[in-house]
Amino acid sequence: MARIKPVEIQSKEECVELINDVARLEMQRRKQELELKRKVQAIQDEFGPGVVALQELIEGKVARISEYLDAHADAMFKKGTKSGETALAEFGFRIGNPTIGTAKKWKWDDVLAALKLDDLMRKYVRTKEEVQKDLIKSDYAAEKITPEMLAAFGMKITQTESCWIEPKADSAV
C-alpha cells in the first residue's frame, strides 16, 4: 500500500482543532481500553477458578498415574519402550532437558569460588563486560566529561524531542 503524505497544517486554528481531535481520540481509546480490561477481567473471574481446579485435578491424577507406571512398567509399556496408548491418549515418560543444581551443602557462591580457583574449570565462569551507559550519562550531565571526550572513544550523547498531547481530565469526548 502506498504511503500517503500527510497534508501540512495551514493555520493555528487548524492545528488547535487537530490537537483537540487527538485529545478526543485519546479519551475514546482510553475508555475502550478500560472496557477491554474490564471484560477480560470478567472472563478471567468467570473461568479462572475452573481452569485452576481442572489443572490441580489433572496434576493429582498424573502424579498417581506416574507412580503406577513406574511400578508396573512391564504391564503398561511395550517391551523396550517407556510409552503406551489408550483409546483416548498416548502416555509415557520423557527425559527432560538437563539442569544444573548444587550438590548437598553447596551454594552457588561456593561453586563460583571453586570454579575460579581451577584453571581447567575457570572457563565455566561467565564474565560480562559492558559499557556503563548510566554512569556516562550521569557524568555528562554533571559536566565531568565532554562531547569531545566521548567522541574520542566513539560515543556521542543524543536526545530527541517528541511532540506530546495529553487530554485534560475534565474534557468531554
C-alpha atoms as a PDB file:
ATOM      1  CA  MET A   1       0.000   0.000   0.000  1.00  0.00           C
ATOM      2  CA  ALA A   2       1.371   3.401  -0.955  1.00  0.00           C
ATOM      3  CA  ARG A   3       2.204   5.719   1.902  1.00  0.00           C
ATOM      4  CA  ILE A   4       0.121   8.889   1.768  1.00  0.00           C
ATOM      5  CA  LYS A   5       1.974  12.073   2.656  1.00  0.00           C
ATOM      6  CA  PRO A   6       0.072  13.999   5.337  1.00  0.00           C
ATOM      7  CA  VAL A   7      -1.243  17.409   4.345  1.00  0.00           C
ATOM      8  CA  GLU A   8       0.572  20.288   6.019  1.00  0.00           C
ATOM      9  CA  ILE A   9      -1.311  22.291   8.608  1.00  0.00           C
ATOM     10  CA  GLN A  10      -2.149  25.714   7.192  1.00  0.00           C
ATOM     11  CA  SER A  11      -3.170  27.717  10.263  1.00  0.00           C
ATOM     12  CA  LYS A  12      -3.085  27.979  14.021  1.00  0.00           C
ATOM     13  CA  GLU A  13      -6.822  27.251  14.134  1.00  0.00           C
ATOM     14  CA  GLU A  14      -6.356  24.072  12.111  1.00  0.00           C
ATOM     15  CA  CYS A  15      -3.530  22.978  14.421  1.00  0.00           C
ATOM     16  CA  VAL A  16      -5.656  23.638  17.531  1.00  0.00           C
ATOM     17  CA  GLU A  17      -8.517  21.655  16.011  1.00  0.00           C
ATOM     18  CA  LEU A  18      -6.190  18.716  15.269  1.00  0.00           C
ATOM     19  CA  ILE A  19      -4.830  18.850  18.832  1.00  0.00           C
ATOM     20  CA  ASN A  20      -8.389  18.730  20.143  1.00  0.00           C
ATOM     21  CA  ASP A  21      -9.159  15.827  17.775  1.00  0.00           C
ATOM     22  CA  VAL A  22      -6.180  13.930  19.164  1.00  0.00           C
ATOM     23  CA  ALA A  23      -7.356  14.649  22.718  1.00  0.00           C
ATOM     24  CA  ARG A  24     -10.863  13.335  21.899  1.00  0.00           C
ATOM     25  CA  LEU A  25      -9.453  10.245  20.181  1.00  0.00           C
ATOM     26  CA  GLU A  26      -7.118   9.570  23.110  1.00  0.00           C
ATOM     27  CA  MET A  27     -10.037   9.764  25.558  1.00  0.00           C
ATOM     28  CA  GLN A  28     -12.017   7.323  23.374  1.00  0.00           C
ATOM     29  CA  ARG A  29      -9.006   4.989  23.207  1.00  0.00           C
ATOM     30  CA  ARG A  30      -8.622   5.077  26.987  1.00  0.00           C
ATOM     31  CA  LYS A  31     -12.327   4.345  27.513  1.00  0.00           C
ATOM     32  CA  GLN A  32     -12.156   1.397  25.105  1.00  0.00           C
ATOM     33  CA  GLU A  33      -9.013   0.120  26.782  1.00  0.00           C
ATOM     34  CA  LEU A  34     -10.713   0.292  30.191  1.00  0.00           C
ATOM     35  CA  GLU A  35     -13.742  -1.563  28.823  1.00  0.00           C
ATOM     36  CA  LEU A  36     -11.448  -4.195  27.302  1.00  0.00           C
ATOM     37  CA  LYS A  37      -9.646  -4.685  30.618  1.00  0.00           C
ATOM     38  CA  ARG A  38     -12.968  -4.884  32.460  1.00  0.00           C
ATOM     39  CA  LYS A  39     -14.286  -7.557  30.095  1.00  0.00           C
ATOM     40  CA  VAL A  40     -11.036  -9.538  30.178  1.00  0.00           C
ATOM     41  CA  GLN A  41     -11.116  -9.429  33.985  1.00  0.00           C
ATOM     42  CA  ALA A  42     -14.750 -10.582  33.984  1.00  0.00           C
ATOM     43  CA  ILE A  43     -13.825 -13.545  31.767  1.00  0.00           C
ATOM     44  CA  GLN A  44     -10.845 -14.377  33.981  1.00  0.00           C
ATOM     45  CA  ASP A  45     -13.066 -14.168  37.052  1.00  0.00           C
ATOM     46  CA  GLU A  46     -15.633 -16.451  35.427  1.00  0.00           C
ATOM     47  CA  PHE A  47     -13.332 -19.114  34.003  1.00  0.00           C
ATOM     48  CA  GLY A  48     -10.099 -18.774  36.011  1.00  0.00           C
ATOM     49  CA  PRO A  49     -11.190 -20.758  39.086  1.00  0.00           C
ATOM     50  CA  GLY A  50     -12.472 -23.612  36.920  1.00  0.00           C
ATOM     51  CA  VAL A  51      -9.237 -23.733  34.935  1.00  0.00           C
ATOM     52  CA  VAL A  52      -7.180 -23.788  38.146  1.00  0.00           C
ATOM     53  CA  ALA A  53      -9.376 -26.518  39.634  1.00  0.00           C
ATOM     54  CA  LEU A  54      -9.052 -28.642  36.483  1.00  0.00           C
ATOM     55  CA  GLN A  55      -5.264 -28.156  36.422  1.00  0.00           C
ATOM     56  CA  GLU A  56      -4.995 -29.251  40.059  1.00  0.00           C
ATOM     57  CA  LEU A  57      -7.201 -32.283  39.363  1.00  0.00           C
ATOM     58  CA  ILE A  58      -5.053 -33.216  36.344  1.00  0.00           C
ATOM     59  CA  GLU A  59      -1.799 -32.822  38.295  1.00  0.00           C
ATOM     60  CA  GLY A  60      -3.101 -35.048  41.084  1.00  0.00           C
ATOM     61  CA  LYS A  61      -4.152 -37.775  38.664  1.00  0.00           C
ATOM     62  CA  VAL A  62      -0.885 -37.556  36.717  1.00  0.00           C
ATOM     63  CA  ALA A  63       1.083 -37.966  39.964  1.00  0.00           C
ATOM     64  CA  ARG A  64      -0.877 -41.118  40.803  1.00  0.00           C
ATOM     65  CA  ILE A  65      -0.518 -42.433  37.241  1.00  0.00           C
ATOM     66  CA  SER A  66       3.241 -41.741  37.274  1.00  0.00           C
ATOM     67  CA  GLU A  67       3.684 -43.809  40.440  1.00  0.00           C
ATOM     68  CA  TYR A  68       1.666 -46.675  38.963  1.00  0.00           C
ATOM     69  CA  LEU A  69       3.506 -46.594  35.628  1.00  0.00           C
ATOM     70  CA  ASP A  70       6.839 -46.564  37.399  1.00  0.00           C
ATOM     71  CA  ALA A  71       5.859 -49.631  39.446  1.00  0.00           C
ATOM     72  CA  HIS A  72       4.114 -51.509  36.590  1.00  0.00           C
ATOM     73  CA  ALA A  73       6.132 -50.594  33.511  1.00  0.00           C
ATOM     74  CA  ASP A  74       6.112 -54.188  32.202  1.00  0.00           C
ATOM     75  CA  ALA A  75       2.302 -54.285  32.088  1.00  0.00           C
ATOM     76  CA  MET A  76       1.797 -50.762  30.746  1.00  0.00           C
ATOM     77  CA  PHE A  77       4.564 -50.300  28.156  1.00  0.00           C
ATOM     78  CA  LYS A  78       5.672 -52.212  25.103  1.00  0.00           C
ATOM     79  CA  LYS A  79       8.931 -54.026  25.707  1.00  0.00           C
ATOM     80  CA  GLY A  80      11.908 -51.698  25.498  1.00  0.00           C
ATOM     81  CA  THR A  81       9.799 -48.523  25.483  1.00  0.00           C
ATOM     82  CA  LYS A  82       8.511 -46.061  28.016  1.00  0.00           C
ATOM     83  CA  SER A  83       5.291 -45.189  26.224  1.00  0.00           C
ATOM     84  CA  GLY A  84       1.878 -46.650  25.576  1.00  0.00           C
ATOM     85  CA  GLU A  85      -1.598 -45.682  24.462  1.00  0.00           C
ATOM     86  CA  THR A  86      -5.272 -45.995  25.312  1.00  0.00           C
ATOM     87  CA  ALA A  87      -8.335 -45.230  23.213  1.00  0.00           C
ATOM     88  CA  LEU A  88      -8.109 -41.562  24.270  1.00  0.00           C
ATOM     89  CA  ALA A  89      -4.459 -40.862  24.959  1.00  0.00           C
ATOM     90  CA  GLU A  90      -0.822 -41.620  24.430  1.00  0.00           C
ATOM     91  CA  PHE A  91       1.247 -41.707  27.616  1.00  0.00           C
ATOM     92  CA  GLY A  92       4.684 -42.437  28.928  1.00  0.00           C
ATOM     93  CA  PHE A  93       7.838 -40.928  30.317  1.00  0.00           C
ATOM     94  CA  ARG A  94      10.016 -38.320  28.624  1.00  0.00           C
ATOM     95  CA  ILE A  95      13.532 -37.372  29.550  1.00  0.00           C
ATOM     96  CA  GLY A  96      13.628 -33.652  30.282  1.00  0.00           C
ATOM     97  CA  ASN A  97      16.379 -31.199  29.483  1.00  0.00           C
ATOM     98  CA  PRO A  98      19.477 -31.427  31.668  1.00  0.00           C
ATOM     99  CA  THR A  99      19.574 -28.989  34.551  1.00  0.00           C
ATOM    100  CA  ILE A 100      22.412 -27.972  36.808  1.00  0.00           C
ATOM    101  CA  GLY A 101      21.953 -27.695  40.534  1.00  0.00           C
ATOM    102  CA  THR A 102      24.178 -27.549  43.568  1.00  0.00           C
ATOM    103  CA  ALA A 103      25.295 -30.625  45.497  1.00  0.00           C
ATOM    104  CA  LYS A 104      24.377 -31.029  49.147  1.00  0.00           C
ATOM    105  CA  LYS A 105      25.810 -28.321  51.390  1.00  0.00           C
ATOM    106  CA  TRP A 106      26.970 -26.263  48.378  1.00  0.00           C
ATOM    107  CA  LYS A 107      25.658 -22.823  47.424  1.00  0.00           C
ATOM    108  CA  TRP A 108      26.139 -21.139  44.057  1.00  0.00           C
ATOM    109  CA  ASP A 109      28.614 -18.685  45.587  1.00  0.00           C
ATOM    110  CA  ASP A 110      30.730 -21.638  46.750  1.00  0.00           C
ATOM    111  CA  VAL A 111      30.561 -23.207  43.290  1.00  0.00           C
ATOM    112  CA  LEU A 112      31.611 -19.928  41.662  1.00  0.00           C
ATOM    113  CA  ALA A 113      34.559 -19.506  44.016  1.00  0.00           C
ATOM    114  CA  ALA A 114      35.726 -23.098  43.425  1.00  0.00           C
ATOM    115  CA  LEU A 115      35.456 -22.750  39.629  1.00  0.00           C
ATOM    116  CA  LYS A 116      37.520 -19.549  39.683  1.00  0.00           C
ATOM    117  CA  LEU A 117      40.342 -21.335  41.523  1.00  0.00           C
ATOM    118  CA  ASP A 118      40.706 -24.142  38.977  1.00  0.00           C
ATOM    119  CA  ASP A 119      42.453 -23.349  35.677  1.00  0.00           C
ATOM    120  CA  LEU A 120      40.534 -26.037  33.739  1.00  0.00           C
ATOM    121  CA  MET A 121      37.139 -25.095  35.190  1.00  0.00           C
ATOM    122  CA  ARG A 122      37.511 -21.285  35.038  1.00  0.00           C
ATOM    123  CA  LYS A 123      36.067 -21.352  31.523  1.00  0.00           C
ATOM    124  CA  TYR A 124      32.676 -22.115  33.092  1.00  0.00           C
ATOM    125  CA  VAL A 125      32.587 -18.724  34.828  1.00  0.00           C
ATOM    126  CA  ARG A 126      30.797 -16.050  32.832  1.00  0.00           C
ATOM    127  CA  THR A 127      32.202 -12.534  32.888  1.00  0.00           C
ATOM    128  CA  LYS A 128      30.196  -9.936  31.049  1.00  0.00           C
ATOM    129  CA  GLU A 129      31.858  -6.624  30.351  1.00  0.00           C
ATOM    130  CA  GLU A 130      29.742  -3.768  29.118  1.00  0.00           C
ATOM    131  CA  VAL A 131      29.834  -0.009  28.849  1.00  0.00           C
ATOM    132  CA  GLN A 132      28.345   1.714  31.900  1.00  0.00           C
ATOM    133  CA  LYS A 133      25.989   3.944  29.933  1.00  0.00           C
ATOM    134  CA  ASP A 134      24.150   5.214  33.013  1.00  0.00           C
ATOM    135  CA  LEU A 135      27.409   6.405  34.568  1.00  0.00           C
ATOM    136  CA  ILE A 136      28.436   8.094  31.309  1.00  0.00           C
ATOM    137  CA  LYS A 137      25.092   9.938  31.106  1.00  0.00           C
ATOM    138  CA  SER A 138      25.366  10.936  34.768  1.00  0.00           C
ATOM    139  CA  ASP A 139      28.940  12.213  34.386  1.00  0.00           C
ATOM    140  CA  TYR A 140      27.971  14.031  31.176  1.00  0.00           C
ATOM    141  CA  ALA A 141      25.056  15.731  32.957  1.00  0.00           C
ATOM    142  CA  ALA A 142      27.428  16.701  35.790  1.00  0.00           C
ATOM    143  CA  GLU A 143      29.854  18.055  33.144  1.00  0.00           C
ATOM    144  CA  LYS A 144      32.605  15.667  34.239  1.00  0.00           C
ATOM    145  CA  ILE A 145      33.024  14.536  30.632  1.00  0.00           C
ATOM    146  CA  THR A 146      32.642  16.496  27.410  1.00  0.00           C
ATOM    147  CA  PRO A 147      31.290  15.635  23.960  1.00  0.00           C
ATOM    148  CA  GLU A 148      34.881  15.718  22.716  1.00  0.00           C
ATOM    149  CA  MET A 149      35.945  13.153  25.297  1.00  0.00           C
ATOM    150  CA  LEU A 150      33.062  10.894  24.289  1.00  0.00           C
ATOM    151  CA  ALA A 151      33.857  11.303  20.586  1.00  0.00           C
ATOM    152  CA  ALA A 152      37.449  10.211  21.203  1.00  0.00           C
ATOM    153  CA  PHE A 153      36.036   6.846  22.320  1.00  0.00           C
ATOM    154  CA  GLY A 154      33.409   6.539  19.592  1.00  0.00           C
ATOM    155  CA  MET A 155      30.418   7.768  21.577  1.00  0.00           C
ATOM    156  CA  LYS A 156      28.008  10.682  21.477  1.00  0.00           C
ATOM    157  CA  ILE A 157      25.056  11.831  23.546  1.00  0.00           C
ATOM    158  CA  THR A 158      21.841  12.350  21.626  1.00  0.00           C
ATOM    159  CA  GLN A 159      18.404  13.487  22.672  1.00  0.00           C
ATOM    160  CA  THR A 160      15.253  13.645  20.643  1.00  0.00           C
ATOM    161  CA  GLU A 161      12.321  15.919  21.068  1.00  0.00           C
ATOM    162  CA  SER A 162       8.879  14.464  20.617  1.00  0.00           C
ATOM    163  CA  CYS A 163       5.506  16.068  20.324  1.00  0.00           C
ATOM    164  CA  TRP A 164       3.005  15.157  23.028  1.00  0.00           C
ATOM    165  CA  ILE A 165      -0.691  15.769  23.567  1.00  0.00           C
ATOM    166  CA  GLU A 166      -2.393  14.934  26.848  1.00  0.00           C
ATOM    167  CA  PRO A 167      -6.163  15.306  27.099  1.00  0.00           C
ATOM    168  CA  LYS A 168      -7.413  17.292  30.059  1.00  0.00           C
ATOM    169  CA  ALA A 169      -9.155  15.151  32.641  1.00  0.00           C
ATOM    170  CA  ASP A 170     -12.311  17.206  32.517  1.00  0.00           C
ATOM    171  CA  SER A 171     -12.574  17.365  28.713  1.00  0.00           C
ATOM    172  CA  ALA A 172     -15.662  15.810  27.191  1.00  0.00           C
ATOM    173  CA  VAL A 173     -15.468  13.294  24.382  1.00  0.00           C
END
